[in-house]
Amino acid sequence: MPLPSTGIAVFDFDDTLIEGDSLPRFLDEVAGIVRTRVAMVGAVAGALGAHTIGRPVGVDFAGSVKALLLRKTLAGLPLAAVLEAGRRLKPRLRWLTPQLTALHRHAAAGHRIVVASGALDIYLPVLLEGLPIHDILATDMEIHAGHLTGRIASGNCVRSIKAQRLQPLLAASTGPSWGYGNRPSDLPMLALVDHPTLV
């Protein structure tokens, strides 16, 4: 869709546009519930060990758990299978009406619509298909020869990293800005906009 000239509205995804966290449900879909649960236990144990010796995998404990979990569940999977898992998940999402209504209201007003989320770039665009969105900022996964390596390619798109990635889009906007997110993970993002909304 064409880019609007003024105004930008930024939406978090998990617990803002939809109810709950999409990542565990996606991993259950693509890797299976049992494998995902076993991988989570291993990821927590691995993150504890890594932080104990001062060699974390992520910028914080939660980030380390996420990075290790993604390696254990996604490494080696073909991208086509991952995209299909996203399509199977989409009908089961529970959209949150107030924020979805706000998104459509901003789009109708001609504002640039951005979704900024820690969700993965390998499934978030599939879940957002059909919505009037101009930009998607997500946690980018590394892909080699059509298969996932399980590694995060460009940083976990949460908290301060999400805010950093959003800054160029806000700077390019010539109009007011709105933001919708939840506490506490979206506070750095919401601090950048003119009209923040905590949901």
N, C-alpha and C. Protein backbone atom coordinates (compact mmCIF):
# COMPACT_ATOMS: atom_id res chain seq x y z
N MET A 1 0.84 -1.18 0.00
CA MET A 1 0.00 0.00 0.00
C MET A 1 0.88 1.24 0.00
N PRO A 2 0.41 2.36 -0.56
CA PRO A 2 1.25 3.57 -0.63
C PRO A 2 1.53 4.13 0.75
N LEU A 3 2.70 4.75 0.88
CA LEU A 3 3.08 5.33 2.16
C LEU A 3 2.40 6.68 2.36
N PRO A 4 1.82 6.90 3.55
CA PRO A 4 1.22 8.20 3.84
C PRO A 4 2.30 9.24 4.05
N SER A 5 1.92 10.50 3.97
CA SER A 5 2.91 11.58 4.08
C SER A 5 3.10 12.04 5.52
N THR A 6 2.08 11.91 6.36
CA THR A 6 2.20 12.40 7.73
C THR A 6 1.56 11.43 8.72
N GLY A 7 2.11 11.41 9.92
CA GLY A 7 1.53 10.61 10.99
C GLY A 7 1.96 9.17 10.94
N ILE A 8 2.26 8.60 12.12
CA ILE A 8 2.69 7.22 12.20
C ILE A 8 2.12 6.60 13.47
N ALA A 9 1.60 5.40 13.35
CA ALA A 9 1.03 4.68 14.49
C ALA A 9 1.74 3.33 14.61
N VAL A 10 2.30 3.08 15.80
CA VAL A 10 3.11 1.88 16.04
C VAL A 10 2.37 0.97 17.01
N PHE A 11 2.29 -0.30 16.66
CA PHE A 11 1.60 -1.28 17.48
C PHE A 11 2.54 -2.44 17.83
N ASP A 12 2.60 -2.78 19.11
CA ASP A 12 3.17 -4.06 19.50
C ASP A 12 2.19 -5.14 19.03
N PHE A 13 2.64 -6.40 19.02
CA PHE A 13 1.77 -7.48 18.55
C PHE A 13 1.25 -8.33 19.71
N ASP A 14 2.15 -9.05 20.39
CA ASP A 14 1.74 -9.95 21.46
C ASP A 14 1.20 -9.17 22.65
N ASP A 15 0.05 -9.58 23.12
CA ASP A 15 -0.63 -8.94 24.26
C ASP A 15 -1.04 -7.49 23.96
N THR A 16 -1.00 -7.11 22.70
CA THR A 16 -1.47 -5.78 22.30
C THR A 16 -2.49 -5.91 21.17
N LEU A 17 -2.06 -6.44 20.03
CA LEU A 17 -3.01 -6.72 18.95
C LEU A 17 -3.70 -8.07 19.13
N ILE A 18 -2.99 -9.02 19.74
CA ILE A 18 -3.60 -10.33 20.00
C ILE A 18 -3.50 -10.65 21.49
N GLU A 19 -4.32 -11.59 21.90
CA GLU A 19 -4.28 -12.05 23.28
C GLU A 19 -3.14 -13.05 23.45
N GLY A 20 -2.27 -12.80 24.43
CA GLY A 20 -1.20 -13.73 24.73
C GLY A 20 0.03 -13.57 23.85
N ASP A 21 0.92 -14.54 23.96
CA ASP A 21 2.22 -14.54 23.27
C ASP A 21 2.16 -15.53 22.11
N SER A 22 2.47 -15.06 20.92
CA SER A 22 2.39 -15.93 19.74
C SER A 22 3.53 -16.92 19.64
N LEU A 23 4.69 -16.62 20.22
CA LEU A 23 5.86 -17.48 20.01
C LEU A 23 5.68 -18.90 20.55
N PRO A 24 5.26 -19.09 21.81
CA PRO A 24 5.07 -20.47 22.27
C PRO A 24 4.09 -21.26 21.41
N ARG A 25 3.02 -20.61 20.99
CA ARG A 25 2.02 -21.30 20.17
C ARG A 25 2.59 -21.64 18.80
N PHE A 26 3.41 -20.73 18.25
CA PHE A 26 4.05 -21.03 16.97
C PHE A 26 5.01 -22.20 17.10
N LEU A 27 5.82 -22.20 18.16
CA LEU A 27 6.78 -23.29 18.35
C LEU A 27 6.07 -24.62 18.56
N ASP A 28 4.96 -24.61 19.30
CA ASP A 28 4.18 -25.84 19.45
C ASP A 28 3.71 -26.34 18.09
N GLU A 29 3.33 -25.41 17.23
CA GLU A 29 2.81 -25.76 15.91
C GLU A 29 3.90 -26.32 15.01
N VAL A 30 5.08 -25.70 15.03
CA VAL A 30 6.12 -26.07 14.09
C VAL A 30 7.01 -27.21 14.60
N ALA A 31 7.19 -27.30 15.92
CA ALA A 31 8.10 -28.31 16.47
C ALA A 31 7.39 -29.38 17.28
N GLY A 32 6.14 -29.14 17.65
CA GLY A 32 5.41 -30.08 18.48
C GLY A 32 5.47 -29.68 19.95
N ILE A 33 4.39 -29.97 20.67
CA ILE A 33 4.29 -29.54 22.06
C ILE A 33 5.36 -30.19 22.93
N VAL A 34 5.56 -31.50 22.79
CA VAL A 34 6.53 -32.20 23.65
C VAL A 34 7.94 -31.69 23.39
N ARG A 35 8.32 -31.60 22.13
CA ARG A 35 9.67 -31.13 21.81
C ARG A 35 9.89 -29.71 22.31
N THR A 36 8.87 -28.86 22.18
CA THR A 36 9.00 -27.48 22.63
C THR A 36 9.15 -27.40 24.14
N ARG A 37 8.38 -28.21 24.88
CA ARG A 37 8.49 -28.19 26.35
C ARG A 37 9.86 -28.68 26.81
N VAL A 38 10.35 -29.74 26.19
CA VAL A 38 11.67 -30.26 26.54
C VAL A 38 12.74 -29.22 26.20
N ALA A 39 12.60 -28.58 25.05
CA ALA A 39 13.56 -27.55 24.65
C ALA A 39 13.53 -26.37 25.60
N MET A 40 12.37 -26.02 26.12
CA MET A 40 12.27 -24.90 27.06
C MET A 40 13.04 -25.21 28.34
N VAL A 41 12.89 -26.42 28.86
CA VAL A 41 13.64 -26.80 30.07
C VAL A 41 15.14 -26.70 29.81
N GLY A 42 15.57 -27.20 28.65
CA GLY A 42 16.98 -27.12 28.31
C GLY A 42 17.46 -25.70 28.12
N ALA A 43 16.61 -24.85 27.54
CA ALA A 43 16.99 -23.46 27.31
C ALA A 43 17.14 -22.70 28.62
N VAL A 44 16.23 -22.94 29.57
CA VAL A 44 16.33 -22.28 30.87
C VAL A 44 17.60 -22.73 31.60
N ALA A 45 17.87 -24.03 31.57
CA ALA A 45 19.08 -24.55 32.22
C ALA A 45 20.33 -23.98 31.55
N GLY A 46 20.32 -23.93 30.23
CA GLY A 46 21.47 -23.40 29.51
C GLY A 46 21.69 -21.92 29.78
N ALA A 47 20.60 -21.17 29.86
CA ALA A 47 20.71 -19.74 30.14
C ALA A 47 21.23 -19.50 31.56
N LEU A 48 20.76 -20.30 32.51
CA LEU A 48 21.26 -20.17 33.88
C LEU A 48 22.77 -20.42 33.94
N GLY A 49 23.20 -21.46 33.25
CA GLY A 49 24.63 -21.75 33.23
C GLY A 49 25.44 -20.66 32.55
N ALA A 50 24.93 -20.17 31.42
CA ALA A 50 25.66 -19.13 30.68
C ALA A 50 25.77 -17.84 31.49
N HIS A 51 24.69 -17.46 32.18
CA HIS A 51 24.72 -16.23 32.98
C HIS A 51 25.57 -16.41 34.23
N THR A 52 25.60 -17.62 34.77
CA THR A 52 26.41 -17.88 35.97
C THR A 52 27.89 -17.69 35.69
N ILE A 53 28.32 -18.09 34.50
CA ILE A 53 29.75 -17.95 34.17
C ILE A 53 30.04 -16.64 33.45
N GLY A 54 29.02 -15.79 33.31
CA GLY A 54 29.24 -14.48 32.70
C GLY A 54 29.36 -14.49 31.19
N ARG A 55 28.75 -15.49 30.54
CA ARG A 55 28.80 -15.55 29.08
C ARG A 55 27.39 -15.73 28.51
N PRO A 56 26.54 -14.73 28.72
CA PRO A 56 25.15 -14.85 28.27
C PRO A 56 25.02 -14.92 26.75
N VAL A 57 23.98 -15.60 26.32
CA VAL A 57 23.70 -15.71 24.89
C VAL A 57 22.90 -14.51 24.40
N GLY A 58 22.07 -13.95 25.28
CA GLY A 58 21.26 -12.78 24.95
C GLY A 58 21.65 -11.60 25.82
N VAL A 59 20.98 -10.47 25.60
CA VAL A 59 21.31 -9.27 26.37
C VAL A 59 20.84 -9.36 27.81
N ASP A 60 19.90 -10.26 28.09
CA ASP A 60 19.44 -10.50 29.46
C ASP A 60 19.03 -11.96 29.56
N PHE A 61 18.57 -12.37 30.76
CA PHE A 61 18.24 -13.78 30.96
C PHE A 61 17.13 -14.25 30.02
N ALA A 62 16.06 -13.45 29.93
CA ALA A 62 14.95 -13.82 29.05
C ALA A 62 15.42 -13.94 27.59
N GLY A 63 16.29 -13.03 27.18
CA GLY A 63 16.82 -13.08 25.82
C GLY A 63 17.67 -14.32 25.59
N SER A 64 18.43 -14.73 26.60
CA SER A 64 19.23 -15.95 26.48
C SER A 64 18.35 -17.18 26.36
N VAL A 65 17.30 -17.23 27.18
CA VAL A 65 16.36 -18.36 27.09
C VAL A 65 15.75 -18.43 25.70
N LYS A 66 15.32 -17.29 25.18
CA LYS A 66 14.70 -17.25 23.85
C LYS A 66 15.68 -17.71 22.77
N ALA A 67 16.91 -17.20 22.82
CA ALA A 67 17.90 -17.57 21.81
C ALA A 67 18.18 -19.07 21.83
N LEU A 68 18.33 -19.64 23.01
CA LEU A 68 18.60 -21.08 23.11
C LEU A 68 17.39 -21.90 22.70
N LEU A 69 16.19 -21.45 23.08
CA LEU A 69 14.97 -22.16 22.70
C LEU A 69 14.81 -22.20 21.19
N LEU A 70 15.09 -21.09 20.52
CA LEU A 70 14.95 -21.05 19.06
C LEU A 70 15.96 -21.98 18.39
N ARG A 71 17.17 -22.05 18.92
CA ARG A 71 18.15 -22.98 18.35
C ARG A 71 17.68 -24.43 18.48
N LYS A 72 17.11 -24.75 19.64
CA LYS A 72 16.72 -26.13 19.91
C LYS A 72 15.48 -26.55 19.12
N THR A 73 14.63 -25.60 18.76
CA THR A 73 13.37 -25.96 18.08
C THR A 73 13.37 -25.69 16.58
N LEU A 74 14.17 -24.73 16.11
CA LEU A 74 14.05 -24.32 14.71
C LEU A 74 15.23 -24.71 13.83
N ALA A 75 16.37 -25.03 14.41
CA ALA A 75 17.56 -25.33 13.60
C ALA A 75 17.30 -26.48 12.63
N GLY A 76 17.58 -26.22 11.35
CA GLY A 76 17.45 -27.25 10.33
C GLY A 76 16.10 -27.33 9.66
N LEU A 77 15.10 -26.61 10.17
CA LEU A 77 13.76 -26.70 9.58
C LEU A 77 13.71 -25.93 8.25
N PRO A 78 13.04 -26.49 7.24
CA PRO A 78 12.88 -25.76 5.98
C PRO A 78 11.94 -24.58 6.15
N LEU A 79 12.26 -23.49 5.49
CA LEU A 79 11.45 -22.28 5.60
C LEU A 79 10.01 -22.53 5.18
N ALA A 80 9.79 -23.35 4.18
CA ALA A 80 8.44 -23.62 3.71
C ALA A 80 7.58 -24.24 4.82
N ALA A 81 8.14 -25.13 5.60
CA ALA A 81 7.40 -25.76 6.70
C ALA A 81 7.08 -24.74 7.78
N VAL A 82 7.99 -23.82 8.01
CA VAL A 82 7.79 -22.78 9.02
C VAL A 82 6.66 -21.84 8.60
N LEU A 83 6.64 -21.44 7.36
CA LEU A 83 5.58 -20.57 6.86
C LEU A 83 4.22 -21.25 6.95
N GLU A 84 4.19 -22.54 6.66
CA GLU A 84 2.93 -23.29 6.74
C GLU A 84 2.44 -23.38 8.18
N ALA A 85 3.36 -23.49 9.14
CA ALA A 85 2.98 -23.51 10.55
C ALA A 85 2.33 -22.18 10.94
N GLY A 86 2.86 -21.09 10.41
CA GLY A 86 2.27 -19.77 10.66
C GLY A 86 0.85 -19.69 10.11
N ARG A 87 0.63 -20.28 8.95
CA ARG A 87 -0.71 -20.25 8.36
C ARG A 87 -1.70 -21.08 9.19
N ARG A 88 -1.22 -22.18 9.77
CA ARG A 88 -2.09 -23.00 10.62
C ARG A 88 -2.43 -22.28 11.93
N LEU A 89 -1.48 -21.47 12.41
CA LEU A 89 -1.69 -20.76 13.66
C LEU A 89 -2.68 -19.59 13.51
N LYS A 90 -2.64 -18.93 12.38
CA LYS A 90 -3.39 -17.68 12.20
C LYS A 90 -4.87 -17.78 12.57
N PRO A 91 -5.61 -18.82 12.18
CA PRO A 91 -7.04 -18.85 12.51
C PRO A 91 -7.31 -18.99 14.01
N ARG A 92 -6.31 -19.37 14.78
CA ARG A 92 -6.51 -19.59 16.22
C ARG A 92 -6.18 -18.36 17.06
N LEU A 93 -5.74 -17.29 16.41
CA LEU A 93 -5.42 -16.07 17.16
C LEU A 93 -6.69 -15.41 17.67
N ARG A 94 -6.58 -14.79 18.86
CA ARG A 94 -7.69 -14.00 19.39
C ARG A 94 -7.27 -12.54 19.35
N TRP A 95 -7.83 -11.82 18.40
CA TRP A 95 -7.48 -10.41 18.21
C TRP A 95 -8.17 -9.58 19.29
N LEU A 96 -7.48 -8.56 19.77
CA LEU A 96 -8.01 -7.66 20.80
C LEU A 96 -8.69 -6.48 20.10
N THR A 97 -9.99 -6.43 20.24
CA THR A 97 -10.81 -5.51 19.46
C THR A 97 -10.43 -4.04 19.61
N PRO A 98 -10.18 -3.52 20.83
CA PRO A 98 -9.87 -2.08 20.92
C PRO A 98 -8.64 -1.67 20.11
N GLN A 99 -7.58 -2.47 20.19
CA GLN A 99 -6.36 -2.11 19.46
C GLN A 99 -6.50 -2.35 17.96
N LEU A 100 -7.22 -3.41 17.59
CA LEU A 100 -7.43 -3.66 16.17
C LEU A 100 -8.28 -2.55 15.56
N THR A 101 -9.27 -2.09 16.31
CA THR A 101 -10.09 -0.96 15.85
C THR A 101 -9.24 0.30 15.70
N ALA A 102 -8.35 0.53 16.67
CA ALA A 102 -7.47 1.70 16.59
C ALA A 102 -6.57 1.62 15.37
N LEU A 103 -6.06 0.42 15.06
CA LEU A 103 -5.20 0.25 13.88
C LEU A 103 -5.97 0.65 12.62
N HIS A 104 -7.18 0.15 12.48
CA HIS A 104 -7.97 0.49 11.29
C HIS A 104 -8.33 1.97 11.26
N ARG A 105 -8.55 2.57 12.42
CA ARG A 105 -8.86 4.00 12.47
C ARG A 105 -7.66 4.83 12.00
N HIS A 106 -6.47 4.46 12.46
CA HIS A 106 -5.27 5.17 12.01
C HIS A 106 -5.05 4.98 10.50
N ALA A 107 -5.27 3.78 10.02
CA ALA A 107 -5.09 3.53 8.59
C ALA A 107 -6.07 4.37 7.77
N ALA A 108 -7.31 4.46 8.24
CA ALA A 108 -8.32 5.26 7.53
C ALA A 108 -7.97 6.73 7.53
N ALA A 109 -7.24 7.16 8.58
CA ALA A 109 -6.81 8.56 8.67
C ALA A 109 -5.57 8.84 7.84
N GLY A 110 -5.02 7.81 7.21
CA GLY A 110 -3.85 7.98 6.36
C GLY A 110 -2.53 7.93 7.08
N HIS A 111 -2.51 7.39 8.29
CA HIS A 111 -1.26 7.29 9.04
C HIS A 111 -0.46 6.06 8.61
N ARG A 112 0.84 6.17 8.72
CA ARG A 112 1.71 5.02 8.45
C ARG A 112 1.57 4.03 9.61
N ILE A 113 1.31 2.76 9.29
CA ILE A 113 1.07 1.74 10.31
C ILE A 113 2.30 0.84 10.41
N VAL A 114 2.83 0.74 11.63
CA VAL A 114 4.00 -0.10 11.91
C VAL A 114 3.64 -1.09 13.00
N VAL A 115 4.00 -2.34 12.79
CA VAL A 115 3.94 -3.34 13.86
C VAL A 115 5.36 -3.65 14.26
N ALA A 116 5.67 -3.44 15.54
CA ALA A 116 7.01 -3.68 16.07
C ALA A 116 6.90 -4.72 17.17
N SER A 117 7.59 -5.85 16.99
CA SER A 117 7.35 -6.98 17.89
C SER A 117 8.59 -7.85 18.05
N GLY A 118 8.66 -8.51 19.19
CA GLY A 118 9.69 -9.53 19.41
C GLY A 118 9.36 -10.83 18.73
N ALA A 119 8.16 -10.95 18.15
CA ALA A 119 7.80 -12.15 17.38
C ALA A 119 8.77 -12.30 16.20
N LEU A 120 8.78 -13.48 15.61
CA LEU A 120 9.78 -13.79 14.58
C LEU A 120 9.34 -13.37 13.19
N ASP A 121 10.30 -12.93 12.40
CA ASP A 121 10.00 -12.49 11.04
C ASP A 121 9.58 -13.64 10.13
N ILE A 122 9.75 -14.86 10.57
CA ILE A 122 9.40 -16.01 9.73
C ILE A 122 7.91 -16.35 9.82
N TYR A 123 7.20 -15.79 10.79
CA TYR A 123 5.77 -16.05 10.85
C TYR A 123 4.91 -14.81 11.04
N LEU A 124 5.47 -13.72 11.58
CA LEU A 124 4.65 -12.55 11.86
C LEU A 124 4.00 -11.97 10.61
N PRO A 125 4.70 -11.84 9.47
CA PRO A 125 4.02 -11.32 8.28
C PRO A 125 2.82 -12.17 7.85
N VAL A 126 2.91 -13.48 8.05
CA VAL A 126 1.80 -14.37 7.71
C VAL A 126 0.60 -14.06 8.60
N LEU A 127 0.84 -13.85 9.89
CA LEU A 127 -0.26 -13.57 10.81
C LEU A 127 -0.90 -12.21 10.55
N LEU A 128 -0.14 -11.29 9.96
CA LEU A 128 -0.64 -9.93 9.72
C LEU A 128 -1.22 -9.73 8.32
N GLU A 129 -1.21 -10.78 7.50
CA GLU A 129 -1.73 -10.65 6.14
C GLU A 129 -3.17 -10.16 6.16
N GLY A 130 -3.46 -9.22 5.29
CA GLY A 130 -4.81 -8.68 5.19
C GLY A 130 -5.04 -7.41 5.98
N LEU A 131 -4.09 -7.05 6.85
CA LEU A 131 -4.21 -5.81 7.61
C LEU A 131 -3.46 -4.68 6.90
N PRO A 132 -3.91 -3.43 7.07
CA PRO A 132 -3.29 -2.30 6.36
C PRO A 132 -2.00 -1.83 7.04
N ILE A 133 -0.93 -2.61 6.87
CA ILE A 133 0.32 -2.35 7.57
C ILE A 133 1.41 -2.00 6.55
N HIS A 134 2.19 -0.97 6.87
CA HIS A 134 3.28 -0.53 5.99
C HIS A 134 4.62 -1.16 6.34
N ASP A 135 4.90 -1.31 7.62
CA ASP A 135 6.21 -1.82 8.06
C ASP A 135 6.04 -2.83 9.18
N ILE A 136 6.88 -3.86 9.15
CA ILE A 136 6.92 -4.85 10.22
C ILE A 136 8.36 -4.93 10.75
N LEU A 137 8.52 -4.64 12.03
CA LEU A 137 9.81 -4.79 12.70
C LEU A 137 9.69 -6.01 13.60
N ALA A 138 10.53 -7.02 13.38
CA ALA A 138 10.41 -8.27 14.12
C ALA A 138 11.81 -8.82 14.42
N THR A 139 11.86 -9.90 15.16
CA THR A 139 13.12 -10.59 15.43
C THR A 139 13.47 -11.41 14.19
N ASP A 140 14.52 -11.02 13.50
CA ASP A 140 14.90 -11.66 12.24
C ASP A 140 15.69 -12.93 12.51
N MET A 141 15.29 -14.02 11.85
CA MET A 141 15.97 -15.29 11.99
C MET A 141 16.91 -15.54 10.81
N GLU A 142 18.02 -16.20 11.10
CA GLU A 142 19.01 -16.51 10.07
C GLU A 142 18.53 -17.70 9.23
N ILE A 143 18.66 -17.54 7.92
CA ILE A 143 18.24 -18.60 6.98
C ILE A 143 19.41 -18.90 6.05
N HIS A 144 19.69 -20.18 5.86
CA HIS A 144 20.79 -20.59 4.96
C HIS A 144 20.27 -21.71 4.07
N ALA A 145 20.37 -21.49 2.77
CA ALA A 145 19.95 -22.49 1.78
C ALA A 145 18.53 -22.98 2.02
N GLY A 146 17.63 -22.04 2.35
CA GLY A 146 16.24 -22.39 2.51
C GLY A 146 15.87 -23.05 3.82
N HIS A 147 16.83 -23.12 4.74
CA HIS A 147 16.58 -23.73 6.04
C HIS A 147 16.98 -22.77 7.16
N LEU A 148 16.28 -22.85 8.28
CA LEU A 148 16.63 -22.02 9.43
C LEU A 148 17.86 -22.58 10.14
N THR A 149 18.72 -21.70 10.59
CA THR A 149 19.85 -22.15 11.40
C THR A 149 19.48 -22.19 12.88
N GLY A 150 18.37 -21.54 13.24
CA GLY A 150 17.97 -21.44 14.64
C GLY A 150 18.56 -20.24 15.34
N ARG A 151 19.35 -19.46 14.63
CA ARG A 151 20.02 -18.30 15.24
C ARG A 151 19.29 -17.00 14.89
N ILE A 152 19.25 -16.10 15.86
CA ILE A 152 18.71 -14.76 15.64
C ILE A 152 19.72 -13.96 14.83
N ALA A 153 19.25 -13.32 13.75
CA ALA A 153 20.17 -12.65 12.82
C ALA A 153 20.46 -11.21 13.21
N SER A 154 19.50 -10.51 13.82
CA SER A 154 19.70 -9.06 13.99
C SER A 154 19.27 -8.54 15.35
N GLY A 155 19.35 -9.36 16.36
CA GLY A 155 18.97 -8.91 17.69
C GLY A 155 17.52 -9.17 18.00
N ASN A 156 17.24 -9.46 19.25
CA ASN A 156 15.89 -9.73 19.72
C ASN A 156 15.11 -8.40 19.75
N CYS A 157 14.07 -8.28 18.94
CA CYS A 157 13.38 -7.00 18.75
C CYS A 157 12.41 -6.72 19.90
N VAL A 158 12.97 -6.53 21.08
CA VAL A 158 12.19 -6.19 22.27
C VAL A 158 12.87 -5.04 23.01
N ARG A 159 12.08 -4.38 23.87
CA ARG A 159 12.57 -3.33 24.76
C ARG A 159 13.46 -2.31 24.01
N SER A 160 14.70 -2.13 24.44
CA SER A 160 15.53 -1.07 23.87
C SER A 160 15.87 -1.32 22.40
N ILE A 161 16.03 -2.58 22.01
CA ILE A 161 16.34 -2.87 20.61
C ILE A 161 15.16 -2.51 19.72
N LYS A 162 13.94 -2.80 20.19
CA LYS A 162 12.75 -2.41 19.43
C LYS A 162 12.71 -0.89 19.26
N ALA A 163 12.98 -0.17 20.34
CA ALA A 163 12.98 1.29 20.28
C ALA A 163 14.03 1.81 19.30
N GLN A 164 15.21 1.23 19.31
CA GLN A 164 16.28 1.64 18.39
C GLN A 164 15.89 1.41 16.95
N ARG A 165 15.27 0.28 16.66
CA ARG A 165 14.88 -0.01 15.29
C ARG A 165 13.73 0.88 14.82
N LEU A 166 12.94 1.35 15.76
CA LEU A 166 11.82 2.21 15.41
C LEU A 166 12.24 3.66 15.14
N GLN A 167 13.31 4.10 15.75
CA GLN A 167 13.71 5.50 15.67
C GLN A 167 13.83 6.05 14.26
N PRO A 168 14.44 5.33 13.29
CA PRO A 168 14.52 5.89 11.92
C PRO A 168 13.15 6.13 11.29
N LEU A 169 12.19 5.25 11.56
CA LEU A 169 10.85 5.44 11.00
C LEU A 169 10.17 6.65 11.62
N LEU A 170 10.34 6.83 12.92
CA LEU A 170 9.77 8.01 13.57
C LEU A 170 10.43 9.29 13.07
N ALA A 171 11.74 9.24 12.88
CA ALA A 171 12.46 10.42 12.41
C ALA A 171 12.03 10.82 11.00
N ALA A 172 11.63 9.83 10.20
CA ALA A 172 11.23 10.12 8.82
C ALA A 172 9.81 10.63 8.72
N SER A 173 9.04 10.51 9.80
CA SER A 173 7.66 10.96 9.79
C SER A 173 7.58 12.45 10.07
N THR A 174 6.72 13.15 9.35
CA THR A 174 6.60 14.60 9.53
C THR A 174 5.38 14.98 10.37
N GLY A 175 4.64 13.98 10.82
CA GLY A 175 3.44 14.27 11.59
C GLY A 175 3.52 13.69 12.99
N PRO A 176 2.42 13.70 13.72
CA PRO A 176 2.40 13.16 15.08
C PRO A 176 2.57 11.64 15.07
N SER A 177 2.90 11.10 16.24
CA SER A 177 3.10 9.66 16.36
C SER A 177 2.27 9.10 17.51
N TRP A 178 1.79 7.89 17.32
CA TRP A 178 1.03 7.17 18.33
C TRP A 178 1.69 5.82 18.56
N GLY A 179 1.57 5.31 19.76
CA GLY A 179 2.12 4.00 20.06
C GLY A 179 1.19 3.22 20.98
N TYR A 180 1.11 1.92 20.74
CA TYR A 180 0.27 1.02 21.54
C TYR A 180 1.11 -0.17 21.97
N GLY A 181 1.18 -0.40 23.28
CA GLY A 181 1.98 -1.52 23.79
C GLY A 181 1.62 -1.84 25.21
N ASN A 182 2.30 -2.85 25.76
CA ASN A 182 2.00 -3.28 27.12
C ASN A 182 3.22 -3.11 28.02
N ARG A 183 2.96 -3.05 29.30
CA ARG A 183 3.99 -2.88 30.32
C ARG A 183 4.59 -4.23 30.70
N PRO A 184 5.90 -4.34 30.96
CA PRO A 184 6.89 -3.26 30.91
C PRO A 184 7.70 -3.23 29.61
N SER A 185 7.52 -4.27 28.77
CA SER A 185 8.46 -4.45 27.66
C SER A 185 8.39 -3.36 26.61
N ASP A 186 7.24 -2.68 26.50
CA ASP A 186 7.11 -1.67 25.45
C ASP A 186 7.33 -0.24 25.93
N LEU A 187 7.70 -0.07 27.18
CA LEU A 187 7.90 1.29 27.68
C LEU A 187 8.98 2.07 26.92
N PRO A 188 10.13 1.45 26.54
CA PRO A 188 11.11 2.20 25.75
C PRO A 188 10.55 2.68 24.41
N MET A 189 9.74 1.84 23.77
CA MET A 189 9.12 2.23 22.50
C MET A 189 8.11 3.35 22.72
N LEU A 190 7.28 3.21 23.73
CA LEU A 190 6.23 4.20 23.97
C LEU A 190 6.81 5.55 24.37
N ALA A 191 8.00 5.55 24.96
CA ALA A 191 8.64 6.79 25.35
C ALA A 191 9.03 7.65 24.14
N LEU A 192 9.05 7.05 22.95
CA LEU A 192 9.48 7.76 21.74
C LEU A 192 8.34 8.46 21.01
N VAL A 193 7.09 8.10 21.33
CA VAL A 193 5.97 8.61 20.53
C VAL A 193 5.27 9.77 21.24
N ASP A 194 4.51 10.54 20.49
CA ASP A 194 3.79 11.69 21.04
C ASP A 194 2.60 11.25 21.88
N HIS A 195 1.93 10.18 21.47
CA HIS A 195 0.70 9.76 22.11
C HIS A 195 0.79 8.26 22.46
N PRO A 196 1.39 7.92 23.60
CA PRO A 196 1.51 6.51 23.99
C PRO A 196 0.23 5.98 24.63
N THR A 197 -0.06 4.72 24.39
CA THR A 197 -1.20 4.05 25.01
C THR A 197 -0.75 2.71 25.56
N LEU A 198 -0.87 2.55 26.89
CA LEU A 198 -0.60 1.27 27.52
C LEU A 198 -1.88 0.44 27.53
N VAL A 199 -1.78 -0.80 27.14
CA VAL A 199 -2.97 -1.65 27.09
C VAL A 199 -2.83 -2.81 28.07
